[in-house]
Amino acid sequence: MRRILWAPAFLIWALLGCGSKESDRGTTVTPPSPVPSSLACSSSLPQIDDVVMTCRTHFAADDSWQIDVVIGSPTTSTDIGGFAFDILFDPTVLTYVPGSAGWGEMLVQDGITPLFSAETVPGDPGRLVVGIYRPGGQPGVQGTTTYNRIMVFRVKAVPGVQFDQYPPRLTFDMTRSEAIDSSPSAQAITSIKFRDQILLSKQ
């Protein structure tokens, strides 16, 4: 009787074992999906009287960065009436996000709305021309640690491109960048310098 009882049990165990091996042989392992790269940004804080671009906020929805244009403060000049500068970017790897530019709090610290313009140039897609000024007749201001942001804008990578940090892809056109005072003749403030201290990459 024992042999009769053991035989069915042995057959069941053998069938289950064989089925398990067949199942193992038929298992397909799916490799993990590649992690999409994102636009990386690094920058450093400015020295006194230096105007620089700094990384502010990354927007994952469109993989863009908000860039702040700030001045090292407190500034030696207390009569800053405005700024005029061109921002250059490599249009083969970066694009300006239309409508993203706006003024910062530096020139509006007393509540007076500035005159502001930020536009790309037809035929020169890698240039953003910026002008921000206090209205005529208004006194100039000083950059402070609380009021040091001149403007903001956003850039994003051209779809499908990859690029290293060097050469820098986002810079000032030093020949067309200056701070001016509040005098009627709008004299350049020579103590204020524009510096390139921001790097972007996408791998």
C-alpha atoms as a PDB file:
ATOM      1  CA  MET A   1       0.000   0.000   0.000  1.00  0.00           C
ATOM      2  CA  ARG A   2       2.861   2.361   0.760  1.00  0.00           C
ATOM      3  CA  ARG A   3       4.225   2.016  -2.782  1.00  0.00           C
ATOM      4  CA  ILE A   4       0.804   2.771  -4.262  1.00  0.00           C
ATOM      5  CA  LEU A   5       0.519   5.974  -2.128  1.00  0.00           C
ATOM      6  CA  TRP A   6       4.067   7.149  -2.835  1.00  0.00           C
ATOM      7  CA  ALA A   7       3.877   6.783  -6.603  1.00  0.00           C
ATOM      8  CA  PRO A   8       1.218   9.460  -7.210  1.00  0.00           C
ATOM      9  CA  ALA A   9       2.990  11.816  -4.811  1.00  0.00           C
ATOM     10  CA  PHE A  10       6.301  11.314  -6.655  1.00  0.00           C
ATOM     11  CA  LEU A  11       4.658  11.948 -10.037  1.00  0.00           C
ATOM     12  CA  ILE A  12       3.024  15.161  -8.826  1.00  0.00           C
ATOM     13  CA  TRP A  13       6.362  16.422  -7.430  1.00  0.00           C
ATOM     14  CA  ALA A  14       8.150  15.580 -10.688  1.00  0.00           C
ATOM     15  CA  LEU A  15       5.561  17.317 -12.845  1.00  0.00           C
ATOM     16  CA  LEU A  16       5.624  20.437 -10.699  1.00  0.00           C
ATOM     17  CA  GLY A  17       9.400  20.489 -10.782  1.00  0.00           C
ATOM     18  CA  CYS A  18       9.508  20.175 -14.562  1.00  0.00           C
ATOM     19  CA  GLY A  19       6.889  22.884 -14.974  1.00  0.00           C
ATOM     20  CA  SER A  20       8.910  25.223 -12.787  1.00  0.00           C
ATOM     21  CA  LYS A  21      12.021  24.697 -14.921  1.00  0.00           C
ATOM     22  CA  GLU A  22      10.111  25.371 -18.122  1.00  0.00           C
ATOM     23  CA  SER A  23       8.712  28.542 -16.575  1.00  0.00           C
ATOM     24  CA  ASP A  24      12.200  29.709 -15.589  1.00  0.00           C
ATOM     25  CA  ARG A  25      13.485  29.116 -19.098  1.00  0.00           C
ATOM     26  CA  GLY A  26      10.637  31.186 -20.554  1.00  0.00           C
ATOM     27  CA  THR A  27      11.121  34.272 -18.302  1.00  0.00           C
ATOM     28  CA  THR A  28      12.191  37.448 -20.147  1.00  0.00           C
ATOM     29  CA  VAL A  29      14.120  40.071 -18.190  1.00  0.00           C
ATOM     30  CA  THR A  30      13.314  43.620 -19.349  1.00  0.00           C
ATOM     31  CA  PRO A  31      16.259  46.019 -19.003  1.00  0.00           C
ATOM     32  CA  PRO A  32      15.565  49.297 -17.186  1.00  0.00           C
ATOM     33  CA  SER A  33      14.654  52.254 -19.342  1.00  0.00           C
ATOM     34  CA  PRO A  34      17.455  54.787 -19.789  1.00  0.00           C
ATOM     35  CA  VAL A  35      17.173  57.845 -17.540  1.00  0.00           C
ATOM     36  CA  PRO A  36      16.652  60.929 -19.728  1.00  0.00           C
ATOM     37  CA  SER A  37      19.354  63.564 -19.303  1.00  0.00           C
ATOM     38  CA  SER A  38      18.463  67.043 -18.150  1.00  0.00           C
ATOM     39  CA  LEU A  39      19.980  70.466 -18.695  1.00  0.00           C
ATOM     40  CA  ALA A  40      22.593  71.104 -16.009  1.00  0.00           C
ATOM     41  CA  CYS A  41      23.584  74.571 -14.781  1.00  0.00           C
ATOM     42  CA  SER A  42      26.349  75.811 -12.480  1.00  0.00           C
ATOM     43  CA  SER A  43      27.379  79.329 -11.502  1.00  0.00           C
ATOM     44  CA  SER A  44      29.146  81.357  -8.815  1.00  0.00           C
ATOM     45  CA  LEU A  45      28.200  84.438  -6.822  1.00  0.00           C
ATOM     46  CA  PRO A  46      29.477  87.830  -8.008  1.00  0.00           C
ATOM     47  CA  GLN A  47      32.105  90.046  -6.452  1.00  0.00           C
ATOM     48  CA  ILE A  48      31.190  93.609  -5.499  1.00  0.00           C
ATOM     49  CA  ASP A  49      30.177  95.652  -8.590  1.00  0.00           C
ATOM     50  CA  ASP A  50      30.278  92.625 -10.915  1.00  0.00           C
ATOM     51  CA  VAL A  51      27.195  91.746 -12.993  1.00  0.00           C
ATOM     52  CA  VAL A  52      26.858  87.991 -13.596  1.00  0.00           C
ATOM     53  CA  MET A  53      24.305  85.365 -14.619  1.00  0.00           C
ATOM     54  CA  THR A  54      23.388  82.742 -12.010  1.00  0.00           C
ATOM     55  CA  CYS A  55      21.327  79.542 -12.042  1.00  0.00           C
ATOM     56  CA  ARG A  56      18.013  80.039 -10.225  1.00  0.00           C
ATOM     57  CA  THR A  57      15.385  77.330 -10.845  1.00  0.00           C
ATOM     58  CA  HIS A  58      15.133  74.222 -13.015  1.00  0.00           C
ATOM     59  CA  PHE A  59      11.712  73.594 -14.618  1.00  0.00           C
ATOM     60  CA  ALA A  60      11.318  69.874 -15.258  1.00  0.00           C
ATOM     61  CA  ALA A  61       8.218  70.285 -17.440  1.00  0.00           C
ATOM     62  CA  ASP A  62      10.226  71.713 -20.345  1.00  0.00           C
ATOM     63  CA  ASP A  63      13.752  71.087 -18.975  1.00  0.00           C
ATOM     64  CA  SER A  64      14.543  74.795 -18.829  1.00  0.00           C
ATOM     65  CA  TRP A  65      16.491  76.949 -16.373  1.00  0.00           C
ATOM     66  CA  GLN A  66      15.549  80.319 -14.969  1.00  0.00           C
ATOM     67  CA  ILE A  67      18.636  82.507 -15.106  1.00  0.00           C
ATOM     68  CA  ASP A  68      19.037  85.534 -12.848  1.00  0.00           C
ATOM     69  CA  VAL A  69      21.181  88.523 -13.800  1.00  0.00           C
ATOM     70  CA  VAL A  70      22.503  89.894 -10.504  1.00  0.00           C
ATOM     71  CA  ILE A  71      25.042  92.434  -9.280  1.00  0.00           C
ATOM     72  CA  GLY A  72      27.549  92.003  -6.446  1.00  0.00           C
ATOM     73  CA  SER A  73      26.358  94.186  -3.588  1.00  0.00           C
ATOM     74  CA  PRO A  74      26.480  96.602  -1.902  1.00  0.00           C
ATOM     75  CA  THR A  75      27.567  98.479  -5.010  1.00  0.00           C
ATOM     76  CA  THR A  76      30.018 101.349  -4.771  1.00  0.00           C
ATOM     77  CA  SER A  77      27.688 103.453  -6.941  1.00  0.00           C
ATOM     78  CA  THR A  78      24.527 104.825  -5.342  1.00  0.00           C
ATOM     79  CA  ASP A  79      23.246 106.353  -8.587  1.00  0.00           C
ATOM     80  CA  ILE A  80      22.496 103.387 -10.843  1.00  0.00           C
ATOM     81  CA  GLY A  81      19.876 104.440 -13.360  1.00  0.00           C
ATOM     82  CA  GLY A  82      19.784 101.395 -15.612  1.00  0.00           C
ATOM     83  CA  PHE A  83      21.524  98.702 -17.606  1.00  0.00           C
ATOM     84  CA  ALA A  84      21.948  97.915 -21.285  1.00  0.00           C
ATOM     85  CA  PHE A  85      23.463  94.576 -22.274  1.00  0.00           C
ATOM     86  CA  ASP A  86      23.349  91.787 -24.820  1.00  0.00           C
ATOM     87  CA  ILE A  87      23.215  88.126 -23.791  1.00  0.00           C
ATOM     88  CA  LEU A  88      24.745  85.679 -26.262  1.00  0.00           C
ATOM     89  CA  PHE A  89      23.802  82.009 -26.422  1.00  0.00           C
ATOM     90  CA  ASP A  90      24.777  79.245 -28.814  1.00  0.00           C
ATOM     91  CA  PRO A  91      21.588  78.716 -30.887  1.00  0.00           C
ATOM     92  CA  THR A  92      22.747  75.264 -31.968  1.00  0.00           C
ATOM     93  CA  VAL A  93      22.319  73.985 -28.406  1.00  0.00           C
ATOM     94  CA  LEU A  94      20.235  76.578 -26.495  1.00  0.00           C
ATOM     95  CA  THR A  95      17.049  78.526 -27.095  1.00  0.00           C
ATOM     96  CA  TYR A  96      15.581  81.504 -25.268  1.00  0.00           C
ATOM     97  CA  VAL A  97      12.103  80.799 -23.883  1.00  0.00           C
ATOM     98  CA  PRO A  98       9.950  83.539 -25.478  1.00  0.00           C
ATOM     99  CA  GLY A  99       8.240  85.838 -23.014  1.00  0.00           C
ATOM    100  CA  SER A 100      10.235  84.569 -20.040  1.00  0.00           C
ATOM    101  CA  ALA A 101      12.254  87.756 -19.445  1.00  0.00           C
ATOM    102  CA  GLY A 102      11.254  90.149 -16.693  1.00  0.00           C
ATOM    103  CA  TRP A 103      12.784  92.786 -14.479  1.00  0.00           C
ATOM    104  CA  GLY A 104      14.203  92.056 -11.055  1.00  0.00           C
ATOM    105  CA  GLU A 105      13.708  94.011  -7.871  1.00  0.00           C
ATOM    106  CA  MET A 106      16.888  96.102  -7.971  1.00  0.00           C
ATOM    107  CA  LEU A 107      15.630  99.065 -10.011  1.00  0.00           C
ATOM    108  CA  VAL A 108      12.113  98.948  -8.506  1.00  0.00           C
ATOM    109  CA  GLN A 109      13.103  98.928  -4.835  1.00  0.00           C
ATOM    110  CA  ASP A 110      11.184 102.174  -4.269  1.00  0.00           C
ATOM    111  CA  GLY A 111       8.124 100.969  -6.192  1.00  0.00           C
ATOM    112  CA  ILE A 112       8.805 102.854  -9.436  1.00  0.00           C
ATOM    113  CA  THR A 113       8.178 100.706 -12.536  1.00  0.00           C
ATOM    114  CA  PRO A 114      11.175 100.651 -14.902  1.00  0.00           C
ATOM    115  CA  LEU A 115      11.275 100.842 -18.668  1.00  0.00           C
ATOM    116  CA  PHE A 116      12.117  97.323 -19.807  1.00  0.00           C
ATOM    117  CA  SER A 117      12.789  95.508 -23.063  1.00  0.00           C
ATOM    118  CA  ALA A 118      14.255  92.073 -23.839  1.00  0.00           C
ATOM    119  CA  GLU A 119      14.093  90.878 -27.432  1.00  0.00           C
ATOM    120  CA  THR A 120      15.932  88.517 -29.735  1.00  0.00           C
ATOM    121  CA  VAL A 121      17.331  90.022 -32.927  1.00  0.00           C
ATOM    122  CA  PRO A 122      15.919  89.009 -36.342  1.00  0.00           C
ATOM    123  CA  GLY A 123      18.662  87.236 -38.257  1.00  0.00           C
ATOM    124  CA  ASP A 124      20.709  86.748 -35.074  1.00  0.00           C
ATOM    125  CA  PRO A 125      18.886  84.029 -33.084  1.00  0.00           C
ATOM    126  CA  GLY A 126      21.671  83.735 -30.513  1.00  0.00           C
ATOM    127  CA  ARG A 127      21.386  87.283 -29.162  1.00  0.00           C
ATOM    128  CA  LEU A 128      19.004  88.679 -26.512  1.00  0.00           C
ATOM    129  CA  VAL A 129      19.131  92.486 -26.347  1.00  0.00           C
ATOM    130  CA  VAL A 130      18.166  93.863 -22.932  1.00  0.00           C
ATOM    131  CA  GLY A 131      17.470  97.375 -21.728  1.00  0.00           C
ATOM    132  CA  ILE A 132      16.178  98.258 -18.264  1.00  0.00           C
ATOM    133  CA  TYR A 133      16.070 101.835 -16.984  1.00  0.00           C
ATOM    134  CA  ARG A 134      14.460 103.949 -14.313  1.00  0.00           C
ATOM    135  CA  PRO A 135      12.158 106.590 -15.838  1.00  0.00           C
ATOM    136  CA  GLY A 136      13.712 109.954 -16.668  1.00  0.00           C
ATOM    137  CA  GLY A 137      13.950 112.340 -13.756  1.00  0.00           C
ATOM    138  CA  GLN A 138      14.008 109.579 -11.156  1.00  0.00           C
ATOM    139  CA  PRO A 139      17.102 109.311  -8.944  1.00  0.00           C
ATOM    140  CA  GLY A 140      19.378 106.332  -9.274  1.00  0.00           C
ATOM    141  CA  VAL A 141      19.649 103.545  -6.710  1.00  0.00           C
ATOM    142  CA  GLN A 142      22.280 101.388  -5.055  1.00  0.00           C
ATOM    143  CA  GLY A 143      22.486  97.632  -5.387  1.00  0.00           C
ATOM    144  CA  THR A 144      22.134  95.964  -1.986  1.00  0.00           C
ATOM    145  CA  THR A 145      22.097  92.376  -0.757  1.00  0.00           C
ATOM    146  CA  THR A 146      18.291  92.603  -0.674  1.00  0.00           C
ATOM    147  CA  TYR A 147      17.918  94.405  -4.003  1.00  0.00           C
ATOM    148  CA  ASN A 148      20.536  92.905  -6.321  1.00  0.00           C
ATOM    149  CA  ARG A 149      18.588  91.113  -9.066  1.00  0.00           C
ATOM    150  CA  ILE A 150      18.476  93.057 -12.328  1.00  0.00           C
ATOM    151  CA  MET A 151      16.424  90.702 -14.515  1.00  0.00           C
ATOM    152  CA  VAL A 152      15.367  87.087 -15.079  1.00  0.00           C
ATOM    153  CA  PHE A 153      14.905  84.911 -18.172  1.00  0.00           C
ATOM    154  CA  ARG A 154      14.792  81.252 -19.142  1.00  0.00           C
ATOM    155  CA  VAL A 155      16.719  79.069 -21.581  1.00  0.00           C
ATOM    156  CA  LYS A 156      16.320  75.437 -22.608  1.00  0.00           C
ATOM    157  CA  ALA A 157      18.272  72.947 -24.662  1.00  0.00           C
ATOM    158  CA  VAL A 158      17.569  72.326 -28.330  1.00  0.00           C
ATOM    159  CA  PRO A 159      15.784  68.924 -28.471  1.00  0.00           C
ATOM    160  CA  GLY A 160      18.108  65.984 -29.008  1.00  0.00           C
ATOM    161  CA  VAL A 161      21.412  67.788 -28.483  1.00  0.00           C
ATOM    162  CA  GLN A 162      24.161  66.974 -26.024  1.00  0.00           C
ATOM    163  CA  PHE A 163      26.993  69.337 -25.108  1.00  0.00           C
ATOM    164  CA  ASP A 164      29.739  69.931 -22.535  1.00  0.00           C
ATOM    165  CA  GLN A 165      30.255  72.873 -20.195  1.00  0.00           C
ATOM    166  CA  TYR A 166      33.079  74.232 -22.324  1.00  0.00           C
ATOM    167  CA  PRO A 167      33.139  76.395 -24.261  1.00  0.00           C
ATOM    168  CA  PRO A 168      30.608  78.522 -22.322  1.00  0.00           C
ATOM    169  CA  ARG A 169      27.268  78.623 -24.143  1.00  0.00           C
ATOM    170  CA  LEU A 170      25.759  81.624 -22.333  1.00  0.00           C
ATOM    171  CA  THR A 171      27.764  84.862 -22.129  1.00  0.00           C
ATOM    172  CA  PHE A 172      27.545  88.644 -22.174  1.00  0.00           C
ATOM    173  CA  ASP A 173      28.622  90.610 -25.218  1.00  0.00           C
ATOM    174  CA  MET A 174      31.187  92.696 -23.343  1.00  0.00           C
ATOM    175  CA  THR A 175      31.324  95.286 -26.119  1.00  0.00           C
ATOM    176  CA  ARG A 176      27.613  96.038 -25.690  1.00  0.00           C
ATOM    177  CA  SER A 177      27.094  95.783 -21.925  1.00  0.00           C
ATOM    178  CA  GLU A 178      27.155  98.635 -19.424  1.00  0.00           C
ATOM    179  CA  ALA A 179      25.504 100.184 -16.399  1.00  0.00           C
ATOM    180  CA  ILE A 180      24.486 103.841 -16.604  1.00  0.00           C
ATOM    181  CA  ASP A 181      23.733 106.557 -14.069  1.00  0.00           C
ATOM    182  CA  SER A 182      20.555 108.620 -13.732  1.00  0.00           C
ATOM    183  CA  SER A 183      21.948 111.818 -15.264  1.00  0.00           C
ATOM    184  CA  PRO A 184      20.249 113.220 -18.390  1.00  0.00           C
ATOM    185  CA  SER A 185      23.310 112.187 -20.423  1.00  0.00           C
ATOM    186  CA  ALA A 186      23.177 108.614 -19.022  1.00  0.00           C
ATOM    187  CA  GLN A 187      26.888 108.245 -18.305  1.00  0.00           C
ATOM    188  CA  ALA A 188      28.447 104.784 -18.088  1.00  0.00           C
ATOM    189  CA  ILE A 189      29.366 103.623 -14.577  1.00  0.00           C
ATOM    190  CA  THR A 190      32.886 102.331 -15.138  1.00  0.00           C
ATOM    191  CA  SER A 191      33.185 100.641 -11.739  1.00  0.00           C
ATOM    192  CA  ILE A 192      30.499  98.105 -12.741  1.00  0.00           C
ATOM    193  CA  LYS A 193      31.842  95.214 -14.830  1.00  0.00           C
ATOM    194  CA  PHE A 194      30.089  92.329 -16.588  1.00  0.00           C
ATOM    195  CA  ARG A 195      31.537  88.856 -16.000  1.00  0.00           C
ATOM    196  CA  ASP A 196      30.831  85.387 -17.397  1.00  0.00           C
ATOM    197  CA  GLN A 197      30.478  82.891 -14.525  1.00  0.00           C
ATOM    198  CA  ILE A 198      27.777  80.456 -15.694  1.00  0.00           C
ATOM    199  CA  LEU A 199      28.132  77.050 -17.365  1.00  0.00           C
ATOM    200  CA  LEU A 200      25.462  74.823 -18.896  1.00  0.00           C
ATOM    201  CA  SER A 201      25.687  71.284 -20.222  1.00  0.00           C
ATOM    202  CA  LYS A 202      23.536  68.350 -21.283  1.00  0.00           C
ATOM    203  CA  GLN A 203      24.821  64.755 -21.400  1.00  0.00           C
END
